Amino acid sequence: MTVLLVALSLVLVSARTGSAYEYAGQAWCCDSVHYYINPTNPTHACGAQPPLPNWFQVLVQNAAATWNAQGTQFQLVYMDTTNVGCQPYANNPNICAGIKDGQNTVSMATNCNWIDNNVLAFATWWYWLPGNGDSSCCIFEADICFNDNVTWFDDMGTCSGSCYDLQSVATHEFGHWIASNHEPDDAVLGYRPVMFPSFNFCEMRRNLTPDDIALLNWAYDPLG
C-alpha cells in the first residue's frame, strides 16, 4: 500500500461555501485512537493569571471528550504525556506540523519557529491507500500543533482582547482527525459548526452541531 499525508490548517479568515458535513475521504479503521499530549503550556495566555499548571493538557482532553460523548464506538483515548513537539512543515516552513513517529500527538509549537500567524493550529494525518482487496482509506497516525505566538484563553476568568479559545480550536482539530474537512457556516440556522475554518477572538464553539455529529455517525458505527 501507499502512504499519503493530509494536512489542514485553521486560518483566521473565512474560506469556501458548501452545505452539510464535509467528509475528508479517510477515517480510522479502528474504534479507539490513542493519543499523547505534550503538556508544555502556551507562552501567551489570557484569563486567570497565573493559569493552572496543566491547563493546556486539561483543555485538549476536554475537547476530545466532546467527540467521545456522541454515542459512537469511536473513542479518542488519552494515554500519557510526551516530550514530542512540532517541526516546520515541509510544504510551508512558515507553520509547524507534527512528526511522523508512530504516535498520535497534540503539542503547542513552543519548539518551532511559527511565522504565519494567520494560522492558529495545524492538523496532519497519514493514511494507507486502498489495496489488497481493502477499499477503505485507513488513517494510522495523526498529530496536532498549535501556534504558540497567539494568545490562548486558559478557561479561567473571562476571555477578552486578542485571545482565542483553546478548547474550541482543539475540538475543531480533533474533528479533522476523525474524518472532517472544513464546513461552511449555516446561513439558514444561523450558527457556525465546529468545523467552520476560522475563529474570531474569544469565539466559543465547543459544542458539536448537527452537521458535526452527522459526520461522526456516518463514518463510525453507533454504540449498540
C-alpha atoms as a PDB file:
ATOM      1  CA  MET A   1       0.000   0.000   0.000  1.00  0.00           C
ATOM      2  CA  THR A   2       0.996   3.635  -0.463  1.00  0.00           C
ATOM      3  CA  VAL A   3       1.119   6.105   2.437  1.00  0.00           C
ATOM      4  CA  LEU A   4      -0.224   9.627   1.952  1.00  0.00           C
ATOM      5  CA  LEU A   5      -0.133  12.699   4.202  1.00  0.00           C
ATOM      6  CA  VAL A   6      -3.057  15.089   4.656  1.00  0.00           C
ATOM      7  CA  ALA A   7      -2.714  18.465   6.368  1.00  0.00           C
ATOM      8  CA  LEU A   8      -5.357  21.070   7.183  1.00  0.00           C
ATOM      9  CA  SER A   9      -4.822  24.403   8.867  1.00  0.00           C
ATOM     10  CA  LEU A  10      -7.263  26.535  10.832  1.00  0.00           C
ATOM     11  CA  VAL A  11      -6.975  30.051   9.461  1.00  0.00           C
ATOM     12  CA  LEU A  12      -8.316  33.378  10.660  1.00  0.00           C
ATOM     13  CA  VAL A  13     -10.196  34.280   7.502  1.00  0.00           C
ATOM     14  CA  SER A  14     -13.348  32.754   6.014  1.00  0.00           C
ATOM     15  CA  ALA A  15     -12.988  30.078   3.340  1.00  0.00           C
ATOM     16  CA  ARG A  16     -15.300  28.401   0.832  1.00  0.00           C
ATOM     17  CA  THR A  17     -19.012  27.689   0.908  1.00  0.00           C
ATOM     18  CA  GLY A  18     -20.999  24.452   0.664  1.00  0.00           C
ATOM     19  CA  SER A  19     -23.569  22.501   2.647  1.00  0.00           C
ATOM     20  CA  ALA A  20     -23.868  19.740   5.248  1.00  0.00           C
ATOM     21  CA  TYR A  21     -20.829  17.923   6.616  1.00  0.00           C
ATOM     22  CA  GLU A  22     -17.631  17.613   4.588  1.00  0.00           C
ATOM     23  CA  TYR A  23     -16.044  14.142   4.672  1.00  0.00           C
ATOM     24  CA  ALA A  24     -12.267  14.241   4.271  1.00  0.00           C
ATOM     25  CA  GLY A  25     -12.147  10.891   2.449  1.00  0.00           C
ATOM     26  CA  GLN A  26     -10.259   8.958   5.112  1.00  0.00           C
ATOM     27  CA  ALA A  27     -11.200   7.541   8.506  1.00  0.00           C
ATOM     28  CA  TRP A  28      -9.736   5.315  11.199  1.00  0.00           C
ATOM     29  CA  CYS A  29     -10.310   1.598  10.734  1.00  0.00           C
ATOM     30  CA  CYS A  30     -10.354   1.024  14.478  1.00  0.00           C
ATOM     31  CA  ASP A  31     -12.668   2.061  17.302  1.00  0.00           C
ATOM     32  CA  SER A  32     -10.050   3.539  19.643  1.00  0.00           C
ATOM     33  CA  VAL A  33      -7.343   6.067  18.784  1.00  0.00           C
ATOM     34  CA  HIS A  34      -4.708   6.536  21.458  1.00  0.00           C
ATOM     35  CA  TYR A  35      -3.180   9.984  21.738  1.00  0.00           C
ATOM     36  CA  TYR A  36      -0.475  11.717  23.767  1.00  0.00           C
ATOM     37  CA  ILE A  37      -0.148  15.350  24.869  1.00  0.00           C
ATOM     38  CA  ASN A  38       2.997  17.411  25.189  1.00  0.00           C
ATOM     39  CA  PRO A  39       1.980  19.225  28.399  1.00  0.00           C
ATOM     40  CA  THR A  40       4.015  22.376  27.727  1.00  0.00           C
ATOM     41  CA  ASN A  41       1.627  25.290  28.233  1.00  0.00           C
ATOM     42  CA  PRO A  42       1.287  28.151  25.716  1.00  0.00           C
ATOM     43  CA  THR A  43       3.647  31.071  26.215  1.00  0.00           C
ATOM     44  CA  HIS A  44       0.818  33.625  25.948  1.00  0.00           C
ATOM     45  CA  ALA A  45      -2.411  33.174  27.937  1.00  0.00           C
ATOM     46  CA  CYS A  46      -5.416  35.247  28.885  1.00  0.00           C
ATOM     47  CA  GLY A  47      -7.912  34.602  31.666  1.00  0.00           C
ATOM     48  CA  ALA A  48      -6.789  33.809  35.195  1.00  0.00           C
ATOM     49  CA  GLN A  49      -3.178  34.737  35.852  1.00  0.00           C
ATOM     50  CA  PRO A  50      -1.250  32.720  36.601  1.00  0.00           C
ATOM     51  CA  PRO A  51      -3.161  29.884  34.917  1.00  0.00           C
ATOM     52  CA  LEU A  52      -3.339  26.363  36.287  1.00  0.00           C
ATOM     53  CA  PRO A  53      -0.103  24.403  35.738  1.00  0.00           C
ATOM     54  CA  ASN A  54      -1.601  21.802  33.369  1.00  0.00           C
ATOM     55  CA  TRP A  55      -4.314  23.849  31.672  1.00  0.00           C
ATOM     56  CA  PHE A  56      -3.299  23.056  28.078  1.00  0.00           C
ATOM     57  CA  GLN A  57      -3.453  19.334  28.792  1.00  0.00           C
ATOM     58  CA  VAL A  58      -6.861  19.646  30.510  1.00  0.00           C
ATOM     59  CA  LEU A  59      -8.477  21.648  27.703  1.00  0.00           C
ATOM     60  CA  VAL A  60      -7.211  19.271  24.993  1.00  0.00           C
ATOM     61  CA  GLN A  61      -8.696  16.316  26.901  1.00  0.00           C
ATOM     62  CA  ASN A  62     -11.984  18.212  27.303  1.00  0.00           C
ATOM     63  CA  ALA A  63     -12.087  18.701  23.525  1.00  0.00           C
ATOM     64  CA  ALA A  64     -11.544  15.002  22.873  1.00  0.00           C
ATOM     65  CA  ALA A  65     -14.278  14.143  25.374  1.00  0.00           C
ATOM     66  CA  THR A  66     -16.747  16.236  23.358  1.00  0.00           C
ATOM     67  CA  TRP A  67     -16.366  13.896  20.364  1.00  0.00           C
ATOM     68  CA  ASN A  68     -16.350  10.809  22.608  1.00  0.00           C
ATOM     69  CA  ALA A  69     -19.743  11.692  24.100  1.00  0.00           C
ATOM     70  CA  GLN A  70     -21.724  11.417  20.844  1.00  0.00           C
ATOM     71  CA  GLY A  71     -22.758   7.765  21.064  1.00  0.00           C
ATOM     72  CA  THR A  72     -20.463   6.034  18.575  1.00  0.00           C
ATOM     73  CA  GLN A  73     -17.981   3.235  19.128  1.00  0.00           C
ATOM     74  CA  PHE A  74     -15.150   5.541  18.074  1.00  0.00           C
ATOM     75  CA  GLN A  75     -13.191   6.979  21.007  1.00  0.00           C
ATOM     76  CA  LEU A  76     -10.185   9.256  21.386  1.00  0.00           C
ATOM     77  CA  VAL A  77      -8.271   7.713  24.295  1.00  0.00           C
ATOM     78  CA  TYR A  78      -5.735   9.790  26.238  1.00  0.00           C
ATOM     79  CA  MET A  79      -2.655   7.749  27.087  1.00  0.00           C
ATOM     80  CA  ASP A  80       0.083   9.891  28.659  1.00  0.00           C
ATOM     81  CA  THR A  81       2.272  12.933  28.288  1.00  0.00           C
ATOM     82  CA  THR A  82       5.135  13.085  25.810  1.00  0.00           C
ATOM     83  CA  ASN A  83       8.075  15.353  25.066  1.00  0.00           C
ATOM     84  CA  VAL A  84       7.476  15.148  21.303  1.00  0.00           C
ATOM     85  CA  GLY A  85       6.920  18.588  19.792  1.00  0.00           C
ATOM     86  CA  CYS A  86       6.433  20.079  16.354  1.00  0.00           C
ATOM     87  CA  GLN A  87       8.652  20.761  13.369  1.00  0.00           C
ATOM     88  CA  PRO A  88       8.496  23.124  10.355  1.00  0.00           C
ATOM     89  CA  TYR A  89       6.006  21.769   7.829  1.00  0.00           C
ATOM     90  CA  ALA A  90       7.900  20.602   4.735  1.00  0.00           C
ATOM     91  CA  ASN A  91       5.458  22.213   2.268  1.00  0.00           C
ATOM     92  CA  ASN A  92       5.302  25.510   4.163  1.00  0.00           C
ATOM     93  CA  PRO A  93       8.119  26.215   6.641  1.00  0.00           C
ATOM     94  CA  ASN A  94       6.207  29.261   7.963  1.00  0.00           C
ATOM     95  CA  ILE A  95       3.997  26.937  10.030  1.00  0.00           C
ATOM     96  CA  CYS A  96       4.673  23.891  12.171  1.00  0.00           C
ATOM     97  CA  ALA A  97       3.366  20.348  11.912  1.00  0.00           C
ATOM     98  CA  GLY A  98       3.515  17.037  13.698  1.00  0.00           C
ATOM     99  CA  ILE A  99       6.226  14.425  13.319  1.00  0.00           C
ATOM    100  CA  LYS A 100       5.514  11.008  11.806  1.00  0.00           C
ATOM    101  CA  ASP A 101       6.814   8.775  14.576  1.00  0.00           C
ATOM    102  CA  GLY A 102       4.106   6.180  15.143  1.00  0.00           C
ATOM    103  CA  GLN A 103       2.452   8.207  17.905  1.00  0.00           C
ATOM    104  CA  ASN A 104      -0.612  10.469  17.809  1.00  0.00           C
ATOM    105  CA  THR A 105       0.486  13.700  19.481  1.00  0.00           C
ATOM    106  CA  VAL A 106      -1.037  17.058  20.423  1.00  0.00           C
ATOM    107  CA  SER A 107       1.535  19.794  21.046  1.00  0.00           C
ATOM    108  CA  MET A 108       1.975  23.517  21.475  1.00  0.00           C
ATOM    109  CA  ALA A 109       4.656  24.583  18.988  1.00  0.00           C
ATOM    110  CA  THR A 110       6.978  26.113  21.580  1.00  0.00           C
ATOM    111  CA  ASN A 111       9.996  24.430  19.973  1.00  0.00           C
ATOM    112  CA  CYS A 112       9.270  25.559  16.396  1.00  0.00           C
ATOM    113  CA  ASN A 113       9.504  28.946  14.668  1.00  0.00           C
ATOM    114  CA  TRP A 114       5.873  29.523  13.614  1.00  0.00           C
ATOM    115  CA  ILE A 115       5.933  32.560  11.314  1.00  0.00           C
ATOM    116  CA  ASP A 116       2.459  32.646   9.724  1.00  0.00           C
ATOM    117  CA  ASN A 117       0.213  33.948  12.484  1.00  0.00           C
ATOM    118  CA  ASN A 118      -2.853  33.764  10.253  1.00  0.00           C
ATOM    119  CA  VAL A 119      -2.868  30.056  11.146  1.00  0.00           C
ATOM    120  CA  LEU A 120      -3.989  29.084  14.649  1.00  0.00           C
ATOM    121  CA  ALA A 121      -3.395  25.331  14.510  1.00  0.00           C
ATOM    122  CA  PHE A 122      -2.405  22.604  12.082  1.00  0.00           C
ATOM    123  CA  ALA A 123      -3.625  19.006  11.915  1.00  0.00           C
ATOM    124  CA  THR A 124      -1.788  16.345   9.952  1.00  0.00           C
ATOM    125  CA  TRP A 125      -2.671  12.708   9.417  1.00  0.00           C
ATOM    126  CA  TRP A 126      -1.244   9.799   7.491  1.00  0.00           C
ATOM    127  CA  TYR A 127      -3.275   7.030   5.881  1.00  0.00           C
ATOM    128  CA  TRP A 128      -2.969   3.923   3.732  1.00  0.00           C
ATOM    129  CA  LEU A 129      -4.366   3.948   0.235  1.00  0.00           C
ATOM    130  CA  PRO A 130      -6.725   1.066  -0.581  1.00  0.00           C
ATOM    131  CA  GLY A 131      -5.154  -2.162  -1.750  1.00  0.00           C
ATOM    132  CA  ASN A 132      -5.092  -5.929  -1.388  1.00  0.00           C
ATOM    133  CA  GLY A 133      -8.884  -6.160  -1.553  1.00  0.00           C
ATOM    134  CA  ASP A 134      -9.431  -3.381   1.020  1.00  0.00           C
ATOM    135  CA  SER A 135     -11.440  -0.465  -0.389  1.00  0.00           C
ATOM    136  CA  SER A 136     -11.010   1.863   2.610  1.00  0.00           C
ATOM    137  CA  CYS A 137      -8.503   4.644   3.222  1.00  0.00           C
ATOM    138  CA  CYS A 138      -7.330   3.940   6.775  1.00  0.00           C
ATOM    139  CA  ILE A 139      -5.712   6.647   8.893  1.00  0.00           C
ATOM    140  CA  PHE A 140      -2.904   5.226  11.003  1.00  0.00           C
ATOM    141  CA  GLU A 141      -1.368   8.337  12.626  1.00  0.00           C
ATOM    142  CA  ALA A 142      -2.378  11.931  13.322  1.00  0.00           C
ATOM    143  CA  ASP A 143      -0.891  14.985  15.063  1.00  0.00           C
ATOM    144  CA  ILE A 144      -1.996  18.482  16.045  1.00  0.00           C
ATOM    145  CA  CYS A 145       0.240  21.518  16.530  1.00  0.00           C
ATOM    146  CA  PHE A 146      -0.926  24.842  17.998  1.00  0.00           C
ATOM    147  CA  ASN A 147       0.588  28.219  17.154  1.00  0.00           C
ATOM    148  CA  ASP A 148       2.453  29.456  20.235  1.00  0.00           C
ATOM    149  CA  ASN A 149       2.654  33.061  19.012  1.00  0.00           C
ATOM    150  CA  VAL A 150      -1.032  33.817  19.553  1.00  0.00           C
ATOM    151  CA  THR A 151      -2.724  34.276  22.947  1.00  0.00           C
ATOM    152  CA  TRP A 152      -4.900  31.401  24.204  1.00  0.00           C
ATOM    153  CA  PHE A 153      -7.742  31.510  26.722  1.00  0.00           C
ATOM    154  CA  ASP A 154      -6.935  29.305  29.713  1.00  0.00           C
ATOM    155  CA  ASP A 155     -10.626  28.764  30.611  1.00  0.00           C
ATOM    156  CA  MET A 156     -10.273  30.643  33.890  1.00  0.00           C
ATOM    157  CA  GLY A 157     -11.918  34.001  34.413  1.00  0.00           C
ATOM    158  CA  THR A 158     -13.111  35.847  31.299  1.00  0.00           C
ATOM    159  CA  CYS A 159     -11.808  35.689  27.751  1.00  0.00           C
ATOM    160  CA  SER A 160     -11.085  39.169  26.431  1.00  0.00           C
ATOM    161  CA  GLY A 161      -8.932  41.054  23.955  1.00  0.00           C
ATOM    162  CA  SER A 162      -6.916  39.360  21.201  1.00  0.00           C
ATOM    163  CA  CYS A 163      -7.341  35.899  22.630  1.00  0.00           C
ATOM    164  CA  TYR A 164      -8.567  32.598  21.170  1.00  0.00           C
ATOM    165  CA  ASP A 165     -10.460  29.830  22.952  1.00  0.00           C
ATOM    166  CA  LEU A 166      -8.093  26.879  23.046  1.00  0.00           C
ATOM    167  CA  GLN A 167     -10.736  24.252  23.823  1.00  0.00           C
ATOM    168  CA  SER A 168     -12.847  25.321  20.820  1.00  0.00           C
ATOM    169  CA  VAL A 169      -9.873  25.154  18.489  1.00  0.00           C
ATOM    170  CA  ALA A 170      -8.814  21.766  19.900  1.00  0.00           C
ATOM    171  CA  THR A 171     -12.342  20.445  19.293  1.00  0.00           C
ATOM    172  CA  HIS A 172     -12.063  21.640  15.689  1.00  0.00           C
ATOM    173  CA  GLU A 173      -8.678  19.988  15.178  1.00  0.00           C
ATOM    174  CA  PHE A 174      -9.868  16.659  16.586  1.00  0.00           C
ATOM    175  CA  GLY A 175     -12.655  16.880  14.017  1.00  0.00           C
ATOM    176  CA  HIS A 176     -10.002  16.694  11.292  1.00  0.00           C
ATOM    177  CA  TRP A 177      -8.568  13.593  12.931  1.00  0.00           C
ATOM    178  CA  ILE A 178     -11.970  11.966  12.950  1.00  0.00           C
ATOM    179  CA  ALA A 179     -12.697  12.494   9.231  1.00  0.00           C
ATOM    180  CA  SER A 180     -13.921  16.051   8.673  1.00  0.00           C
ATOM    181  CA  ASN A 181     -12.894  18.716   6.216  1.00  0.00           C
ATOM    182  CA  HIS A 182     -13.832  22.324   6.847  1.00  0.00           C
ATOM    183  CA  GLU A 183     -17.549  23.142   6.750  1.00  0.00           C
ATOM    184  CA  PRO A 184     -19.285  26.383   5.741  1.00  0.00           C
ATOM    185  CA  ASP A 185     -21.352  28.366   8.197  1.00  0.00           C
ATOM    186  CA  ASP A 186     -25.058  27.654   8.147  1.00  0.00           C
ATOM    187  CA  ALA A 187     -26.822  30.787   6.916  1.00  0.00           C
ATOM    188  CA  VAL A 188     -30.243  29.158   7.388  1.00  0.00           C
ATOM    189  CA  LEU A 189     -29.866  28.054  11.001  1.00  0.00           C
ATOM    190  CA  GLY A 190     -27.647  30.976  11.918  1.00  0.00           C
ATOM    191  CA  TYR A 191     -24.709  29.191  13.502  1.00  0.00           C
ATOM    192  CA  ARG A 192     -21.176  28.140  12.664  1.00  0.00           C
ATOM    193  CA  PRO A 193     -20.351  24.458  13.106  1.00  0.00           C
ATOM    194  CA  VAL A 194     -17.254  23.416  14.991  1.00  0.00           C
ATOM    195  CA  MET A 195     -15.600  22.658  11.631  1.00  0.00           C
ATOM    196  CA  PHE A 196     -16.030  26.165  10.188  1.00  0.00           C
ATOM    197  CA  PRO A 197     -12.479  27.157   9.114  1.00  0.00           C
ATOM    198  CA  SER A 198     -11.963  30.350  11.150  1.00  0.00           C
ATOM    199  CA  PHE A 199     -12.368  31.733  14.654  1.00  0.00           C
ATOM    200  CA  ASN A 200     -12.890  35.254  15.962  1.00  0.00           C
ATOM    201  CA  PHE A 201     -11.307  36.478  19.175  1.00  0.00           C
ATOM    202  CA  CYS A 202     -12.884  34.703  22.181  1.00  0.00           C
ATOM    203  CA  GLU A 203     -15.372  32.847  19.965  1.00  0.00           C
ATOM    204  CA  MET A 204     -16.644  29.718  21.726  1.00  0.00           C
ATOM    205  CA  ARG A 205     -17.519  26.714  19.563  1.00  0.00           C
ATOM    206  CA  ARG A 206     -17.030  23.841  21.975  1.00  0.00           C
ATOM    207  CA  ASN A 207     -20.314  22.015  21.365  1.00  0.00           C
ATOM    208  CA  LEU A 208     -20.873  19.924  18.253  1.00  0.00           C
ATOM    209  CA  THR A 209     -23.658  20.966  15.884  1.00  0.00           C
ATOM    210  CA  PRO A 210     -25.922  18.576  13.928  1.00  0.00           C
ATOM    211  CA  ASP A 211     -23.544  18.691  10.931  1.00  0.00           C
ATOM    212  CA  ASP A 212     -20.565  17.712  13.069  1.00  0.00           C
ATOM    213  CA  ILE A 213     -22.465  14.850  14.721  1.00  0.00           C
ATOM    214  CA  ALA A 214     -23.893  13.633  11.406  1.00  0.00           C
ATOM    215  CA  LEU A 215     -20.388  13.087  10.007  1.00  0.00           C
ATOM    216  CA  LEU A 216     -19.283  11.194  13.119  1.00  0.00           C
ATOM    217  CA  ASN A 217     -22.318   8.946  12.941  1.00  0.00           C
ATOM    218  CA  TRP A 218     -21.830   8.369   9.229  1.00  0.00           C
ATOM    219  CA  ALA A 219     -18.131   7.495   9.467  1.00  0.00           C
ATOM    220  CA  TYR A 220     -18.256   5.297  12.589  1.00  0.00           C
ATOM    221  CA  ASP A 221     -20.641   2.687  13.977  1.00  0.00           C
ATOM    222  CA  PRO A 222     -23.067   3.726  16.732  1.00  0.00           C
ATOM    223  CA  LEU A 223     -22.968   2.094  20.150  1.00  0.00           C
ATOM    224  CA  GLY A 224     -25.186  -0.931  20.494  1.00  0.00           C
END
